[in-house]
Amino acid sequence: MDWLILTVTISAYAILIVGIFKKRGMKSQSFFTNLLWSILDVLVYITAIEEQSSSLMLVFGCILGSFSVSILLIKYDKKKRWTKDESITLSIVFVVVFLWLYSGSNLLGLTLAVIAEIIAGWPQMKKSWKKPGSRITLTSYVLFLVVYILSIYNAPDWQLKNVIFPVAFFIYCIGDTLPLIIKWWKIEKRSESIKRI
């Protein structure tokens, strides 16, 4: 099951990368945001290893994917602007690292890093609601939903260390995917109406 989770995670990112190539840097994607997410993914992974979390393969796939997207956006994110959102995310990264090291608790570090990733993703979710992406993005996000469900199912128990990452991101991903589903459902309904005329 671990290898299936890793494969589906990488596939979801691969589809997202295809979308970036096709759309020349999808407007909702930011180089700096993805880079900071990558750093947070690494923090989640380190603390998950220490806690012996069952979601390691999922997090590892996210590291590979988010760094790949960041590298790709070096070329395709034409604006490459450091915004207030990135400053907030960077501040959160420092706070998470400080509290994790100060407390000496890997579980606290894992929890804070996951919360930080959700907070860092909030601006992107707002962009998704304002301007939903393409069918390629929708396909990618649906795969993410699938892999979070697989990871939750794969957890040996409901201890926080095993489920915090997949549950938190399943909920977040629903918020990110819903505008895409609504957009493409409306487009399908419109095209059906035109065909009837």
C-alpha atoms as a PDB file:
ATOM      1  CA  MET A   1       0.000   0.000   0.000  1.00  0.00           C
ATOM      2  CA  ASP A   2       2.887   2.405   0.771  1.00  0.00           C
ATOM      3  CA  TRP A   3       4.193   2.134  -2.801  1.00  0.00           C
ATOM      4  CA  LEU A   4       0.709   2.721  -4.208  1.00  0.00           C
ATOM      5  CA  ILE A   5       0.411   5.864  -2.057  1.00  0.00           C
ATOM      6  CA  LEU A   6       3.801   7.105  -3.301  1.00  0.00           C
ATOM      7  CA  THR A   7       2.905   6.351  -6.936  1.00  0.00           C
ATOM      8  CA  VAL A   8      -0.476   8.119  -6.767  1.00  0.00           C
ATOM      9  CA  THR A   9       1.091  11.142  -5.019  1.00  0.00           C
ATOM     10  CA  ILE A  10       3.796  11.463  -7.672  1.00  0.00           C
ATOM     11  CA  SER A  11       1.174  10.983 -10.404  1.00  0.00           C
ATOM     12  CA  ALA A  12      -0.931  13.824  -8.955  1.00  0.00           C
ATOM     13  CA  TYR A  13       2.096  16.127  -9.020  1.00  0.00           C
ATOM     14  CA  ALA A  14       3.078  14.923 -12.508  1.00  0.00           C
ATOM     15  CA  ILE A  15      -0.366  15.910 -13.821  1.00  0.00           C
ATOM     16  CA  LEU A  16      -0.036  19.299 -12.086  1.00  0.00           C
ATOM     17  CA  ILE A  17       3.357  19.737 -13.778  1.00  0.00           C
ATOM     18  CA  VAL A  18       1.824  18.905 -17.184  1.00  0.00           C
ATOM     19  CA  GLY A  19      -0.733  21.638 -16.464  1.00  0.00           C
ATOM     20  CA  ILE A  20       2.033  24.128 -15.691  1.00  0.00           C
ATOM     21  CA  PHE A  21       3.771  23.258 -18.991  1.00  0.00           C
ATOM     22  CA  LYS A  22       0.546  23.557 -20.973  1.00  0.00           C
ATOM     23  CA  LYS A  23      -0.560  26.793 -19.335  1.00  0.00           C
ATOM     24  CA  ARG A  24       2.960  28.249 -19.153  1.00  0.00           C
ATOM     25  CA  GLY A  25       2.928  28.551 -15.390  1.00  0.00           C
ATOM     26  CA  MET A  26      -0.663  28.304 -14.154  1.00  0.00           C
ATOM     27  CA  LYS A  27      -1.522  31.707 -12.738  1.00  0.00           C
ATOM     28  CA  SER A  28      -2.508  30.419  -9.309  1.00  0.00           C
ATOM     29  CA  GLN A  29       0.921  28.782  -8.801  1.00  0.00           C
ATOM     30  CA  SER A  30       3.699  30.793  -7.168  1.00  0.00           C
ATOM     31  CA  PHE A  31       7.386  29.840  -7.082  1.00  0.00           C
ATOM     32  CA  PHE A  32       8.005  31.229  -3.592  1.00  0.00           C
ATOM     33  CA  THR A  33       4.840  29.683  -2.131  1.00  0.00           C
ATOM     34  CA  ASN A  34       5.747  26.252  -3.523  1.00  0.00           C
ATOM     35  CA  LEU A  35       9.309  26.574  -2.254  1.00  0.00           C
ATOM     36  CA  LEU A  36       8.079  27.388   1.261  1.00  0.00           C
ATOM     37  CA  TRP A  37       5.623  24.461   1.075  1.00  0.00           C
ATOM     38  CA  SER A  38       8.564  22.239   0.132  1.00  0.00           C
ATOM     39  CA  ILE A  39      10.434  23.376   3.234  1.00  0.00           C
ATOM     40  CA  LEU A  40       7.365  22.679   5.382  1.00  0.00           C
ATOM     41  CA  ASP A  41       7.036  19.248   3.727  1.00  0.00           C
ATOM     42  CA  VAL A  42      10.612  18.505   4.791  1.00  0.00           C
ATOM     43  CA  LEU A  43       9.792  19.557   8.374  1.00  0.00           C
ATOM     44  CA  VAL A  44       6.721  17.304   8.333  1.00  0.00           C
ATOM     45  CA  TYR A  45       8.836  14.437   6.982  1.00  0.00           C
ATOM     46  CA  ILE A  46      11.607  14.815   9.610  1.00  0.00           C
ATOM     47  CA  THR A  47       9.115  14.907  12.471  1.00  0.00           C
ATOM     48  CA  ALA A  48       7.063  12.066  10.919  1.00  0.00           C
ATOM     49  CA  ILE A  49      10.209   9.889  10.766  1.00  0.00           C
ATOM     50  CA  GLU A  50      10.921  10.621  14.426  1.00  0.00           C
ATOM     51  CA  GLU A  51       7.323   9.786  15.359  1.00  0.00           C
ATOM     52  CA  GLN A  52       7.322   6.669  13.105  1.00  0.00           C
ATOM     53  CA  SER A  53       4.204   7.908  11.337  1.00  0.00           C
ATOM     54  CA  SER A  54       2.446   5.658   8.840  1.00  0.00           C
ATOM     55  CA  SER A  55       2.094   8.572   6.370  1.00  0.00           C
ATOM     56  CA  LEU A  56       5.810   8.743   5.485  1.00  0.00           C
ATOM     57  CA  MET A  57       5.404   7.690   1.841  1.00  0.00           C
ATOM     58  CA  LEU A  58       2.678  10.286   1.319  1.00  0.00           C
ATOM     59  CA  VAL A  59       4.859  13.044   2.775  1.00  0.00           C
ATOM     60  CA  PHE A  60       7.906  11.831   0.819  1.00  0.00           C
ATOM     61  CA  GLY A  61       5.877  11.970  -2.408  1.00  0.00           C
ATOM     62  CA  CYS A  62       4.778  15.507  -1.496  1.00  0.00           C
ATOM     63  CA  ILE A  63       8.413  16.551  -0.997  1.00  0.00           C
ATOM     64  CA  LEU A  64       9.392  15.191  -4.418  1.00  0.00           C
ATOM     65  CA  GLY A  65       6.359  16.815  -6.020  1.00  0.00           C
ATOM     66  CA  SER A  66       6.525  20.220  -4.356  1.00  0.00           C
ATOM     67  CA  PHE A  67      10.267  20.610  -5.045  1.00  0.00           C
ATOM     68  CA  SER A  68       9.680  19.577  -8.683  1.00  0.00           C
ATOM     69  CA  VAL A  69       6.909  22.170  -9.026  1.00  0.00           C
ATOM     70  CA  SER A  70       9.168  24.805  -7.399  1.00  0.00           C
ATOM     71  CA  ILE A  71      12.011  24.046  -9.823  1.00  0.00           C
ATOM     72  CA  LEU A  72       9.626  24.203 -12.780  1.00  0.00           C
ATOM     73  CA  LEU A  73       8.201  27.520 -11.605  1.00  0.00           C
ATOM     74  CA  ILE A  74      11.686  29.078 -11.617  1.00  0.00           C
ATOM     75  CA  LYS A  75      11.173  29.204 -15.374  1.00  0.00           C
ATOM     76  CA  TYR A  76       7.393  29.547 -15.663  1.00  0.00           C
ATOM     77  CA  ASP A  77       6.426  31.886 -12.809  1.00  0.00           C
ATOM     78  CA  LYS A  78       7.113  35.118 -14.693  1.00  0.00           C
ATOM     79  CA  LYS A  79       6.213  37.411 -11.793  1.00  0.00           C
ATOM     80  CA  LYS A  80       8.270  35.694  -9.084  1.00  0.00           C
ATOM     81  CA  ARG A  81       7.069  38.331  -6.655  1.00  0.00           C
ATOM     82  CA  TRP A  82       7.610  37.982  -2.936  1.00  0.00           C
ATOM     83  CA  THR A  83       4.265  38.954  -1.462  1.00  0.00           C
ATOM     84  CA  LYS A  84       2.828  39.486   1.991  1.00  0.00           C
ATOM     85  CA  ASP A  85       1.565  35.873   1.876  1.00  0.00           C
ATOM     86  CA  GLU A  86       5.110  34.543   1.456  1.00  0.00           C
ATOM     87  CA  SER A  87       6.353  36.762   4.311  1.00  0.00           C
ATOM     88  CA  ILE A  88       3.628  35.340   6.557  1.00  0.00           C
ATOM     89  CA  THR A  89       4.510  31.777   5.491  1.00  0.00           C
ATOM     90  CA  LEU A  90       8.234  32.338   6.108  1.00  0.00           C
ATOM     91  CA  SER A  91       7.450  33.750   9.568  1.00  0.00           C
ATOM     92  CA  ILE A  92       5.338  30.674  10.293  1.00  0.00           C
ATOM     93  CA  VAL A  93       8.222  28.409   9.176  1.00  0.00           C
ATOM     94  CA  PHE A  94      10.550  30.135  11.680  1.00  0.00           C
ATOM     95  CA  VAL A  95       7.958  29.884  14.469  1.00  0.00           C
ATOM     96  CA  VAL A  96       7.355  26.178  13.757  1.00  0.00           C
ATOM     97  CA  VAL A  97      11.087  25.379  13.754  1.00  0.00           C
ATOM     98  CA  PHE A  98      11.648  27.391  16.947  1.00  0.00           C
ATOM     99  CA  LEU A  99       8.736  25.798  18.853  1.00  0.00           C
ATOM    100  CA  TRP A 100       9.655  22.317  17.623  1.00  0.00           C
ATOM    101  CA  LEU A 101      13.310  22.634  18.670  1.00  0.00           C
ATOM    102  CA  TYR A 102      12.464  24.457  21.916  1.00  0.00           C
ATOM    103  CA  SER A 103       9.831  21.917  22.978  1.00  0.00           C
ATOM    104  CA  GLY A 104      11.825  18.870  21.899  1.00  0.00           C
ATOM    105  CA  SER A 105       8.520  17.270  20.902  1.00  0.00           C
ATOM    106  CA  ASN A 106       8.426  15.746  17.429  1.00  0.00           C
ATOM    107  CA  LEU A 107       4.660  15.312  17.650  1.00  0.00           C
ATOM    108  CA  LEU A 108       4.249  19.027  18.362  1.00  0.00           C
ATOM    109  CA  GLY A 109       6.633  19.794  15.462  1.00  0.00           C
ATOM    110  CA  LEU A 110       4.610  17.535  13.148  1.00  0.00           C
ATOM    111  CA  THR A 111       1.309  19.100  14.223  1.00  0.00           C
ATOM    112  CA  LEU A 112       2.605  22.669  13.873  1.00  0.00           C
ATOM    113  CA  ALA A 113       4.169  21.970  10.465  1.00  0.00           C
ATOM    114  CA  VAL A 114       0.873  20.546   9.144  1.00  0.00           C
ATOM    115  CA  ILE A 115      -1.068  23.538  10.515  1.00  0.00           C
ATOM    116  CA  ALA A 116       1.529  25.858   8.938  1.00  0.00           C
ATOM    117  CA  GLU A 117       1.086  24.177   5.533  1.00  0.00           C
ATOM    118  CA  ILE A 118      -2.680  24.639   5.723  1.00  0.00           C
ATOM    119  CA  ILE A 119      -2.264  28.328   6.638  1.00  0.00           C
ATOM    120  CA  ALA A 120       0.296  28.751   3.838  1.00  0.00           C
ATOM    121  CA  GLY A 121      -2.158  27.186   1.385  1.00  0.00           C
ATOM    122  CA  TRP A 122      -5.036  29.502   2.269  1.00  0.00           C
ATOM    123  CA  PRO A 123      -4.108  32.239  -0.291  1.00  0.00           C
ATOM    124  CA  GLN A 124      -3.891  29.603  -3.038  1.00  0.00           C
ATOM    125  CA  MET A 125      -7.315  28.266  -2.086  1.00  0.00           C
ATOM    126  CA  LYS A 126      -8.743  31.802  -2.324  1.00  0.00           C
ATOM    127  CA  LYS A 127      -7.242  32.095  -5.837  1.00  0.00           C
ATOM    128  CA  SER A 128      -8.866  28.766  -6.766  1.00  0.00           C
ATOM    129  CA  TRP A 129     -12.273  30.098  -5.752  1.00  0.00           C
ATOM    130  CA  LYS A 130     -11.777  33.353  -7.672  1.00  0.00           C
ATOM    131  CA  LYS A 131     -10.423  31.689 -10.801  1.00  0.00           C
ATOM    132  CA  PRO A 132     -10.836  27.893 -10.874  1.00  0.00           C
ATOM    133  CA  GLY A 133      -8.206  26.044 -12.887  1.00  0.00           C
ATOM    134  CA  SER A 134      -8.319  23.675 -15.819  1.00  0.00           C
ATOM    135  CA  ARG A 135      -9.489  20.076 -16.150  1.00  0.00           C
ATOM    136  CA  ILE A 136      -5.848  19.037 -15.755  1.00  0.00           C
ATOM    137  CA  THR A 137      -5.747  20.739 -12.360  1.00  0.00           C
ATOM    138  CA  LEU A 138      -9.036  19.086 -11.419  1.00  0.00           C
ATOM    139  CA  THR A 139      -7.625  15.659 -12.338  1.00  0.00           C
ATOM    140  CA  SER A 140      -4.552  16.335 -10.210  1.00  0.00           C
ATOM    141  CA  TYR A 141      -6.634  17.455  -7.216  1.00  0.00           C
ATOM    142  CA  VAL A 142      -8.943  14.432  -7.467  1.00  0.00           C
ATOM    143  CA  LEU A 143      -5.854  12.185  -7.346  1.00  0.00           C
ATOM    144  CA  PHE A 144      -4.708  14.074  -4.241  1.00  0.00           C
ATOM    145  CA  LEU A 145      -8.094  13.363  -2.616  1.00  0.00           C
ATOM    146  CA  VAL A 146      -7.690   9.672  -3.508  1.00  0.00           C
ATOM    147  CA  VAL A 147      -4.190   9.468  -2.051  1.00  0.00           C
ATOM    148  CA  TYR A 148      -5.254  11.150   1.202  1.00  0.00           C
ATOM    149  CA  ILE A 149      -8.069   8.594   1.549  1.00  0.00           C
ATOM    150  CA  LEU A 150      -5.594   5.755   0.848  1.00  0.00           C
ATOM    151  CA  SER A 151      -3.206   7.130   3.463  1.00  0.00           C
ATOM    152  CA  ILE A 152      -5.977   7.413   6.069  1.00  0.00           C
ATOM    153  CA  TYR A 153      -7.062   3.850   5.249  1.00  0.00           C
ATOM    154  CA  ASN A 154      -3.426   2.685   5.518  1.00  0.00           C
ATOM    155  CA  ALA A 155      -3.004   4.129   9.028  1.00  0.00           C
ATOM    156  CA  PRO A 156      -2.741   1.300  11.581  1.00  0.00           C
ATOM    157  CA  ASP A 157      -4.710   3.405  14.075  1.00  0.00           C
ATOM    158  CA  TRP A 158      -6.094   6.907  14.558  1.00  0.00           C
ATOM    159  CA  GLN A 159      -3.122   8.248  16.496  1.00  0.00           C
ATOM    160  CA  LEU A 160      -2.423  11.886  15.642  1.00  0.00           C
ATOM    161  CA  LYS A 161       1.020  11.066  14.196  1.00  0.00           C
ATOM    162  CA  ASN A 162      -0.571   8.748  11.603  1.00  0.00           C
ATOM    163  CA  VAL A 163      -3.575  10.746  10.448  1.00  0.00           C
ATOM    164  CA  ILE A 164      -2.920  14.457  10.977  1.00  0.00           C
ATOM    165  CA  PHE A 165      -1.277  15.002   7.587  1.00  0.00           C
ATOM    166  CA  PRO A 166      -3.717  13.044   5.361  1.00  0.00           C
ATOM    167  CA  VAL A 167      -6.868  14.159   7.248  1.00  0.00           C
ATOM    168  CA  ALA A 168      -5.862  17.842   7.326  1.00  0.00           C
ATOM    169  CA  PHE A 169      -4.978  17.822   3.648  1.00  0.00           C
ATOM    170  CA  PHE A 170      -8.058  15.852   2.652  1.00  0.00           C
ATOM    171  CA  ILE A 171     -10.193  18.614   4.196  1.00  0.00           C
ATOM    172  CA  TYR A 172      -8.007  21.331   2.629  1.00  0.00           C
ATOM    173  CA  CYS A 173      -8.100  19.631  -0.784  1.00  0.00           C
ATOM    174  CA  ILE A 174     -11.900  19.474  -0.744  1.00  0.00           C
ATOM    175  CA  GLY A 175     -11.881  23.271  -0.389  1.00  0.00           C
ATOM    176  CA  ASP A 176      -9.417  23.544  -3.265  1.00  0.00           C
ATOM    177  CA  THR A 177     -11.204  21.033  -5.524  1.00  0.00           C
ATOM    178  CA  LEU A 178     -14.799  22.159  -5.014  1.00  0.00           C
ATOM    179  CA  PRO A 179     -14.550  25.322  -7.166  1.00  0.00           C
ATOM    180  CA  LEU A 180     -13.078  23.249 -10.000  1.00  0.00           C
ATOM    181  CA  ILE A 181     -15.895  20.693  -9.787  1.00  0.00           C
ATOM    182  CA  ILE A 182     -18.503  23.498  -9.771  1.00  0.00           C
ATOM    183  CA  LYS A 183     -16.825  25.234 -12.730  1.00  0.00           C
ATOM    184  CA  TRP A 184     -16.623  22.143 -14.929  1.00  0.00           C
ATOM    185  CA  TRP A 185     -20.092  20.940 -13.944  1.00  0.00           C
ATOM    186  CA  LYS A 186     -21.514  24.303 -15.051  1.00  0.00           C
ATOM    187  CA  ILE A 187     -19.581  24.112 -18.333  1.00  0.00           C
ATOM    188  CA  GLU A 188     -20.916  20.602 -18.982  1.00  0.00           C
ATOM    189  CA  LYS A 189     -24.494  21.721 -18.236  1.00  0.00           C
ATOM    190  CA  ARG A 190     -24.103  24.712 -20.554  1.00  0.00           C
ATOM    191  CA  SER A 191     -22.774  22.567 -23.405  1.00  0.00           C
ATOM    192  CA  GLU A 192     -25.639  20.074 -22.930  1.00  0.00           C
ATOM    193  CA  SER A 193     -28.152  22.959 -23.110  1.00  0.00           C
ATOM    194  CA  ILE A 194     -26.553  24.221 -26.343  1.00  0.00           C
ATOM    195  CA  LYS A 195     -26.670  20.721 -27.871  1.00  0.00           C
ATOM    196  CA  ARG A 196     -30.401  20.493 -27.151  1.00  0.00           C
ATOM    197  CA  ILE A 197     -31.009  23.797 -28.965  1.00  0.00           C
END
